[in-house]
C-alpha atoms as a PDB file:
ATOM      1  CA  UNK A   1      23.883   4.059 -11.303  1.00  0.00           C
ATOM      2  CA  UNK A   2      21.912   0.985 -10.443  1.00  0.00           C
ATOM      3  CA  UNK A   3      18.435   1.359 -10.594  1.00  0.00           C
ATOM      4  CA  UNK A   4      17.722   0.986  -6.938  1.00  0.00           C
ATOM      5  CA  UNK A   5      13.746  -0.311  -7.006  1.00  0.00           C
ATOM      6  CA  UNK A   6      15.157  -2.685  -9.878  1.00  0.00           C
ATOM      7  CA  UNK A   7      17.694  -3.867  -7.307  1.00  0.00           C
ATOM      8  CA  UNK A   8      14.614  -4.384  -4.460  1.00  0.00           C
ATOM      9  CA  UNK A   9      12.756  -6.264  -6.991  1.00  0.00           C
ATOM     10  CA  UNK A  10      15.261  -8.652  -7.795  1.00  0.00           C
ATOM     11  CA  UNK A  11      15.737  -9.590  -4.182  1.00  0.00           C
ATOM     12  CA  UNK A  12      11.736 -10.006  -3.944  1.00  0.00           C
ATOM     13  CA  UNK A  13      11.565 -12.395  -6.275  1.00  0.00           C
ATOM     14  CA  UNK A  14      13.685 -14.584  -4.746  1.00  0.00           C
ATOM     15  CA  UNK A  15      10.626 -14.817  -1.706  1.00  0.00           C
ATOM     16  CA  UNK A  16       8.516 -16.453  -4.698  1.00  0.00           C
ATOM     17  CA  UNK A  17       7.708 -20.232  -5.007  1.00  0.00           C
ATOM     18  CA  UNK A  18       6.073 -22.218  -7.557  1.00  0.00           C
ATOM     19  CA  UNK A  19       2.627 -22.568  -6.726  1.00  0.00           C
ATOM     20  CA  UNK A  20       2.400 -20.017  -4.736  1.00  0.00           C
ATOM     21  CA  UNK A  21      -0.633 -17.193  -4.356  1.00  0.00           C
ATOM     22  CA  UNK A  22       1.084 -13.608  -4.428  1.00  0.00           C
ATOM     23  CA  UNK A  23      -0.788 -10.588  -4.098  1.00  0.00           C
ATOM     24  CA  UNK A  24       0.983  -7.545  -5.580  1.00  0.00           C
ATOM     25  CA  UNK A  25       0.300  -4.021  -4.912  1.00  0.00           C
ATOM     26  CA  UNK A  26       1.401  -0.849  -7.418  1.00  0.00           C
ATOM     27  CA  UNK A  27       4.517   1.417  -8.348  1.00  0.00           C
ATOM     28  CA  UNK A  28       7.334   1.259 -10.347  1.00  0.00           C
ATOM     29  CA  UNK A  29       8.979  -1.791  -8.190  1.00  0.00           C
ATOM     30  CA  UNK A  30       6.151  -3.824  -8.480  1.00  0.00           C
ATOM     31  CA  UNK A  31       6.387  -3.486 -12.124  1.00  0.00           C
ATOM     32  CA  UNK A  32       9.538  -4.724 -12.203  1.00  0.00           C
ATOM     33  CA  UNK A  33       8.714  -7.734 -10.083  1.00  0.00           C
ATOM     34  CA  UNK A  34       5.932  -8.178 -12.267  1.00  0.00           C
ATOM     35  CA  UNK A  35       8.553  -8.575 -15.332  1.00  0.00           C
ATOM     36  CA  UNK A  36      11.104 -10.705 -13.341  1.00  0.00           C
ATOM     37  CA  UNK A  37       8.247 -13.238 -12.542  1.00  0.00           C
ATOM     38  CA  UNK A  38       6.732 -13.381 -15.743  1.00  0.00           C
ATOM     39  CA  UNK A  39      10.856 -14.055 -17.233  1.00  0.00           C
ATOM     40  CA  UNK A  40      10.857 -17.309 -14.834  1.00  0.00           C
ATOM     41  CA  UNK A  41       9.086 -20.196 -16.815  1.00  0.00           C
ATOM     42  CA  UNK A  42       8.592 -21.893 -13.536  1.00  0.00           C
ATOM     43  CA  UNK A  43       6.764 -19.119 -11.821  1.00  0.00           C
ATOM     44  CA  UNK A  44       4.959 -17.611 -14.877  1.00  0.00           C
ATOM     45  CA  UNK A  45       3.326 -21.224 -15.437  1.00  0.00           C
ATOM     46  CA  UNK A  46       2.436 -22.101 -11.789  1.00  0.00           C
ATOM     47  CA  UNK A  47       2.064 -18.942  -9.323  1.00  0.00           C
ATOM     48  CA  UNK A  48      -1.457 -17.280  -9.042  1.00  0.00           C
ATOM     49  CA  UNK A  49      -1.039 -13.397  -8.942  1.00  0.00           C
ATOM     50  CA  UNK A  50      -3.915 -11.118  -7.532  1.00  0.00           C
ATOM     51  CA  UNK A  51      -3.721  -7.166  -7.135  1.00  0.00           C
ATOM     52  CA  UNK A  52      -5.280  -4.339  -5.618  1.00  0.00           C
ATOM     53  CA  UNK A  53      -4.226  -2.223  -8.573  1.00  0.00           C
ATOM     54  CA  UNK A  54      -5.818  -2.140 -11.929  1.00  0.00           C
ATOM     55  CA  UNK A  55      -2.916  -1.209 -13.608  1.00  0.00           C
ATOM     56  CA  UNK A  56      -0.746  -4.071 -11.983  1.00  0.00           C
ATOM     57  CA  UNK A  57      -3.710  -6.365 -12.865  1.00  0.00           C
ATOM     58  CA  UNK A  58      -3.480  -5.177 -16.238  1.00  0.00           C
ATOM     59  CA  UNK A  59       0.143  -5.533 -16.610  1.00  0.00           C
ATOM     60  CA  UNK A  60       0.180  -9.181 -15.197  1.00  0.00           C
ATOM     61  CA  UNK A  61      -2.347 -10.062 -17.787  1.00  0.00           C
ATOM     62  CA  UNK A  62      -0.456  -8.510 -20.661  1.00  0.00           C
ATOM     63  CA  UNK A  63       2.241 -10.731 -19.291  1.00  0.00           C
ATOM     64  CA  UNK A  64       0.179 -13.976 -19.658  1.00  0.00           C
ATOM     65  CA  UNK A  65       0.441 -14.542 -15.876  1.00  0.00           C
ATOM     66  CA  UNK A  66      -2.410 -16.161 -14.058  1.00  0.00           C
ATOM     67  CA  UNK A  67      -4.274 -13.572 -12.417  1.00  0.00           C
ATOM     68  CA  UNK A  68      -7.390 -14.122  -9.926  1.00  0.00           C
ATOM     69  CA  UNK A  69      -9.836 -11.565  -8.374  1.00  0.00           C
ATOM     70  CA  UNK A  70      -9.106 -10.439  -4.701  1.00  0.00           C
ATOM     71  CA  UNK A  71     -12.883 -11.387  -4.164  1.00  0.00           C
ATOM     72  CA  UNK A  72     -12.351 -14.873  -5.008  1.00  0.00           C
ATOM     73  CA  UNK A  73      -9.356 -15.547  -2.606  1.00  0.00           C
ATOM     74  CA  UNK A  74      -9.522 -16.096   1.326  1.00  0.00           C
ATOM     75  CA  UNK A  75      -5.475 -16.118   1.925  1.00  0.00           C
ATOM     76  CA  UNK A  76      -2.299 -15.250   0.462  1.00  0.00           C
ATOM     77  CA  UNK A  77       1.621 -16.394   0.595  1.00  0.00           C
ATOM     78  CA  UNK A  78       2.832 -12.946   0.170  1.00  0.00           C
ATOM     79  CA  UNK A  79       1.603  -9.621  -0.380  1.00  0.00           C
ATOM     80  CA  UNK A  80       4.320  -7.263  -1.634  1.00  0.00           C
ATOM     81  CA  UNK A  81       3.556  -3.475  -1.972  1.00  0.00           C
ATOM     82  CA  UNK A  82       5.784  -0.260  -1.819  1.00  0.00           C
ATOM     83  CA  UNK A  83       4.954   2.740   0.539  1.00  0.00           C
ATOM     84  CA  UNK A  84       5.886   6.299   0.707  1.00  0.00           C
ATOM     85  CA  UNK A  85       7.359   6.170   4.199  1.00  0.00           C
ATOM     86  CA  UNK A  86       7.914   3.130   6.693  1.00  0.00           C
ATOM     87  CA  UNK A  87       9.545   3.452  10.181  1.00  0.00           C
ATOM     88  CA  UNK A  88      11.856   0.865  12.150  1.00  0.00           C
ATOM     89  CA  UNK A  89       8.898  -1.165  13.241  1.00  0.00           C
ATOM     90  CA  UNK A  90       7.779  -1.535   9.650  1.00  0.00           C
ATOM     91  CA  UNK A  91       4.435   0.718  10.021  1.00  0.00           C
ATOM     92  CA  UNK A  92       3.901   2.151   6.538  1.00  0.00           C
ATOM     93  CA  UNK A  93       1.971   5.245   5.187  1.00  0.00           C
ATOM     94  CA  UNK A  94       0.487   4.633   1.887  1.00  0.00           C
ATOM     95  CA  UNK A  95      -1.125   8.134   0.617  1.00  0.00           C
ATOM     96  CA  UNK A  96      -0.454   8.342  -3.152  1.00  0.00           C
ATOM     97  CA  UNK A  97      -2.879   6.281  -4.791  1.00  0.00           C
ATOM     98  CA  UNK A  98      -5.981   6.068  -2.973  1.00  0.00           C
ATOM     99  CA  UNK A  99      -6.415   2.306  -3.020  1.00  0.00           C
ATOM    100  CA  UNK A 100      -5.494   1.116   0.711  1.00  0.00           C
ATOM    101  CA  UNK A 101      -8.594  -0.242   1.165  1.00  0.00           C
ATOM    102  CA  UNK A 102      -8.126  -2.969  -1.248  1.00  0.00           C
ATOM    103  CA  UNK A 103      -4.455  -2.889  -0.175  1.00  0.00           C
ATOM    104  CA  UNK A 104      -4.887  -3.516   3.557  1.00  0.00           C
ATOM    105  CA  UNK A 105      -7.527  -6.740   2.750  1.00  0.00           C
ATOM    106  CA  UNK A 106      -5.174  -8.130   0.495  1.00  0.00           C
ATOM    107  CA  UNK A 107      -2.362  -7.478   2.948  1.00  0.00           C
ATOM    108  CA  UNK A 108      -4.247  -8.845   5.724  1.00  0.00           C
ATOM    109  CA  UNK A 109      -4.904 -12.089   4.113  1.00  0.00           C
ATOM    110  CA  UNK A 110      -1.526 -12.878   3.432  1.00  0.00           C
ATOM    111  CA  UNK A 111       0.798 -15.161   5.579  1.00  0.00           C
ATOM    112  CA  UNK A 112       3.698 -12.396   5.069  1.00  0.00           C
ATOM    113  CA  UNK A 113       3.431  -8.477   4.013  1.00  0.00           C
ATOM    114  CA  UNK A 114       6.421  -7.398   2.495  1.00  0.00           C
ATOM    115  CA  UNK A 115       7.278  -3.876   1.726  1.00  0.00           C
ATOM    116  CA  UNK A 116       9.586  -3.402  -0.909  1.00  0.00           C
ATOM    117  CA  UNK A 117      11.231  -0.252  -2.697  1.00  0.00           C
ATOM    118  CA  UNK A 118      14.171   2.151  -2.420  1.00  0.00           C
ATOM    119  CA  UNK A 119      15.792   2.825   0.829  1.00  0.00           C
ATOM    120  CA  UNK A 120      14.917   6.193   1.059  1.00  0.00           C
ATOM    121  CA  UNK A 121      11.339   5.101   2.237  1.00  0.00           C
ATOM    122  CA  UNK A 122      13.036   4.468   5.648  1.00  0.00           C
ATOM    123  CA  UNK A 123      13.125   6.596   8.184  1.00  0.00           C
ATOM    124  CA  UNK A 124      13.330   5.765  12.017  1.00  0.00           C
ATOM    125  CA  UNK A 125       9.965   7.601  13.051  1.00  0.00           C
ATOM    126  CA  UNK A 126       7.163   8.227  10.891  1.00  0.00           C
ATOM    127  CA  UNK A 127       6.802  11.913  10.342  1.00  0.00           C
ATOM    128  CA  UNK A 128       4.439  14.417   8.960  1.00  0.00           C
ATOM    129  CA  UNK A 129       5.510  14.131   5.290  1.00  0.00           C
ATOM    130  CA  UNK A 130       2.982  12.798   3.597  1.00  0.00           C
ATOM    131  CA  UNK A 131      -0.969  13.066   4.510  1.00  0.00           C
ATOM    132  CA  UNK A 132      -3.077  10.171   6.325  1.00  0.00           C
ATOM    133  CA  UNK A 133      -5.557   9.353   3.697  1.00  0.00           C
ATOM    134  CA  UNK A 134      -8.827   8.237   4.590  1.00  0.00           C
ATOM    135  CA  UNK A 135     -11.885   6.601   2.000  1.00  0.00           C
ATOM    136  CA  UNK A 136     -15.313   8.336   3.243  1.00  0.00           C
ATOM    137  CA  UNK A 137     -18.519   6.917   2.528  1.00  0.00           C
ATOM    138  CA  UNK A 138     -20.050   9.639   0.351  1.00  0.00           C
ATOM    139  CA  UNK A 139     -23.203   9.922   2.639  1.00  0.00           C
ATOM    140  CA  UNK A 140     -21.006  10.730   5.673  1.00  0.00           C
ATOM    141  CA  UNK A 141     -18.426  13.123   4.009  1.00  0.00           C
ATOM    142  CA  UNK A 142     -19.654  16.298   5.903  1.00  0.00           C
ATOM    143  CA  UNK A 143     -20.120  14.418   9.174  1.00  0.00           C
ATOM    144  CA  UNK A 144     -16.844  13.018   8.886  1.00  0.00           C
ATOM    145  CA  UNK A 145     -14.978  16.298   7.746  1.00  0.00           C
ATOM    146  CA  UNK A 146     -16.692  17.891  10.932  1.00  0.00           C
ATOM    147  CA  UNK A 147     -15.282  15.264  12.930  1.00  0.00           C
ATOM    148  CA  UNK A 148     -11.852  15.121  11.572  1.00  0.00           C
ATOM    149  CA  UNK A 149     -11.640  18.942  12.301  1.00  0.00           C
ATOM    150  CA  UNK A 150     -12.971  18.763  15.845  1.00  0.00           C
ATOM    151  CA  UNK A 151     -10.507  15.494  16.847  1.00  0.00           C
ATOM    152  CA  UNK A 152      -7.536  17.080  15.078  1.00  0.00           C
ATOM    153  CA  UNK A 153      -7.749  21.118  14.974  1.00  0.00           C
ATOM    154  CA  UNK A 154      -4.248  21.780  14.099  1.00  0.00           C
ATOM    155  CA  UNK A 155      -4.374  19.317  11.120  1.00  0.00           C
ATOM    156  CA  UNK A 156      -4.830  20.709   7.454  1.00  0.00           C
ATOM    157  CA  UNK A 157      -7.905  18.693   6.057  1.00  0.00           C
ATOM    158  CA  UNK A 158      -8.788  18.618   2.316  1.00  0.00           C
ATOM    159  CA  UNK A 159     -11.240  16.514  -0.107  1.00  0.00           C
ATOM    160  CA  UNK A 160      -9.268  15.491  -2.757  1.00  0.00           C
ATOM    161  CA  UNK A 161     -10.488  16.722  -5.837  1.00  0.00           C
ATOM    162  CA  UNK A 162      -9.249  15.475  -9.204  1.00  0.00           C
ATOM    163  CA  UNK A 163      -7.196  17.636 -11.607  1.00  0.00           C
ATOM    164  CA  UNK A 164      -8.035  15.162 -14.698  1.00  0.00           C
ATOM    165  CA  UNK A 165     -11.628  16.193 -14.297  1.00  0.00           C
ATOM    166  CA  UNK A 166     -14.120  18.107 -12.453  1.00  0.00           C
ATOM    167  CA  UNK A 167     -15.068  17.034  -9.095  1.00  0.00           C
ATOM    168  CA  UNK A 168     -13.764  14.648  -6.271  1.00  0.00           C
ATOM    169  CA  UNK A 169     -11.560  11.844  -7.022  1.00  0.00           C
ATOM    170  CA  UNK A 170     -13.754   8.654  -6.417  1.00  0.00           C
ATOM    171  CA  UNK A 171     -12.365   5.722  -4.977  1.00  0.00           C
ATOM    172  CA  UNK A 172     -12.408   2.382  -6.834  1.00  0.00           C
ATOM    173  CA  UNK A 173     -15.266   1.633  -4.085  1.00  0.00           C
ATOM    174  CA  UNK A 174     -17.361   4.688  -5.146  1.00  0.00           C
ATOM    175  CA  UNK A 175     -16.201   6.577  -2.019  1.00  0.00           C
ATOM    176  CA  UNK A 176     -14.511   9.878  -1.380  1.00  0.00           C
ATOM    177  CA  UNK A 177     -10.981  10.698  -0.713  1.00  0.00           C
ATOM    178  CA  UNK A 178      -9.346  13.003   2.190  1.00  0.00           C
ATOM    179  CA  UNK A 179      -6.443  13.739   2.911  1.00  0.00           C
ATOM    180  CA  UNK A 180      -5.152  14.779   6.506  1.00  0.00           C
ATOM    181  CA  UNK A 181      -2.111  16.701   6.718  1.00  0.00           C
ATOM    182  CA  UNK A 182      -0.857  16.646  10.261  1.00  0.00           C
ATOM    183  CA  UNK A 183       0.639  19.059  12.643  1.00  0.00           C
ATOM    184  CA  UNK A 184       2.382  16.216  14.635  1.00  0.00           C
ATOM    185  CA  UNK A 185       1.345  12.810  14.507  1.00  0.00           C
ATOM    186  CA  UNK A 186      -0.579  10.675  17.454  1.00  0.00           C
ATOM    187  CA  UNK A 187       0.970   7.933  18.552  1.00  0.00           C
ATOM    188  CA  UNK A 188       0.635   5.408  16.130  1.00  0.00           C
ATOM    189  CA  UNK A 189      -1.093   2.838  18.023  1.00  0.00           C
ATOM    190  CA  UNK A 190      -3.734   5.568  18.901  1.00  0.00           C
ATOM    191  CA  UNK A 191      -3.672   7.476  15.441  1.00  0.00           C
ATOM    192  CA  UNK A 192      -4.444   3.817  13.949  1.00  0.00           C
ATOM    193  CA  UNK A 193      -7.994   3.374  15.934  1.00  0.00           C
ATOM    194  CA  UNK A 194      -9.019   6.790  16.737  1.00  0.00           C
ATOM    195  CA  UNK A 195      -9.638   7.431  12.984  1.00  0.00           C
ATOM    196  CA  UNK A 196     -10.886   4.056  12.305  1.00  0.00           C
ATOM    197  CA  UNK A 197     -13.694   4.425  14.631  1.00  0.00           C
ATOM    198  CA  UNK A 198     -15.274   7.775  12.925  1.00  0.00           C
ATOM    199  CA  UNK A 199     -18.514   6.482  11.573  1.00  0.00           C
ATOM    200  CA  UNK A 200     -18.166   6.747   7.652  1.00  0.00           C
ATOM    201  CA  UNK A 201     -14.869   6.080   7.268  1.00  0.00           C
ATOM    202  CA  UNK A 202     -13.943   2.706   5.616  1.00  0.00           C
ATOM    203  CA  UNK A 203     -10.372   2.799   6.114  1.00  0.00           C
ATOM    204  CA  UNK A 204      -7.105   4.989   6.346  1.00  0.00           C
ATOM    205  CA  UNK A 205      -3.625   4.438   4.772  1.00  0.00           C
ATOM    206  CA  UNK A 206      -1.557   3.754   7.958  1.00  0.00           C
ATOM    207  CA  UNK A 207      -0.511   0.410   7.710  1.00  0.00           C
ATOM    208  CA  UNK A 208      -0.050  -0.436  11.553  1.00  0.00           C
ATOM    209  CA  UNK A 209       1.823  -3.557  12.308  1.00  0.00           C
ATOM    210  CA  UNK A 210       0.853  -5.451   9.426  1.00  0.00           C
ATOM    211  CA  UNK A 211       4.240  -5.900   7.455  1.00  0.00           C
ATOM    212  CA  UNK A 212       6.503  -8.566   8.204  1.00  0.00           C
ATOM    213  CA  UNK A 213       9.429  -7.768   5.948  1.00  0.00           C
ATOM    214  CA  UNK A 214      11.046  -4.899   4.201  1.00  0.00           C
ATOM    215  CA  UNK A 215      13.020  -5.189   1.159  1.00  0.00           C
ATOM    216  CA  UNK A 216      15.038  -1.850   0.381  1.00  0.00           C
ATOM    217  CA  UNK A 217      18.056  -1.169  -2.043  1.00  0.00           C
ATOM    218  CA  UNK A 218      20.368   1.450  -1.302  1.00  0.00           C
ATOM    219  CA  UNK A 219      23.828   2.871  -2.123  1.00  0.00           C
ATOM    220  CA  UNK A 220      25.297   0.030   0.227  1.00  0.00           C
ATOM    221  CA  UNK A 221      23.091  -2.618  -1.434  1.00  0.00           C
ATOM    222  CA  UNK A 222      19.830  -4.794  -0.344  1.00  0.00           C
ATOM    223  CA  UNK A 223      18.782  -5.082   2.738  1.00  0.00           C
ATOM    224  CA  UNK A 224      15.693  -7.479   4.436  1.00  0.00           C
ATOM    225  CA  UNK A 225      14.605  -5.549   7.800  1.00  0.00           C
ATOM    226  CA  UNK A 226      12.477  -7.881   9.811  1.00  0.00           C
ATOM    227  CA  UNK A 227       9.485  -6.365  11.816  1.00  0.00           C
ATOM    228  CA  UNK A 228      10.411  -6.119  15.328  1.00  0.00           C
END
């Protein structure tokens, strides 16, 4: 059986051209993409990479690829990342890693934002399988929790607590993470704005109208889906 994530990465690496500046997220498909780029001498010696992920950055360095910090860049040619789920308009939910703030910064810097992964991530319409993850300033945690409960009374709202240490999960930016499990999603354009406008919220994990392409691999091969 083919490794679908590897097949998606093989299709994705063809979009990378020599001398470009490429952003990468995290996950096993991205790890395959790093390995493939490192194996291409022309890409390995000319492309500059950056990443939202500590793990991916370490892997880039281990493979001898040129790496720059996101803060030193103002634009990218392409940003590649996976997601938990995306719809036919390429709106995506990224709920696992809790690094969505930096991921969104890199996606917004890129001329093209490409989602990559296996076909199981695709759905006609985003649903409530995954939570919306919210990054919250520590000083605003209680007021944000109160506001979320008032605005979304049917939602289950949980501050993310570590199972590796005592206490809360802290983001790379020193903030708190809150998972919101909705009973039903609002229209995505409304949800995108309504949550972001609550004071104290830094960012949320809905990537609304940001991706330009999705490269997905399934039993019937690799598909490239354009945003509509």
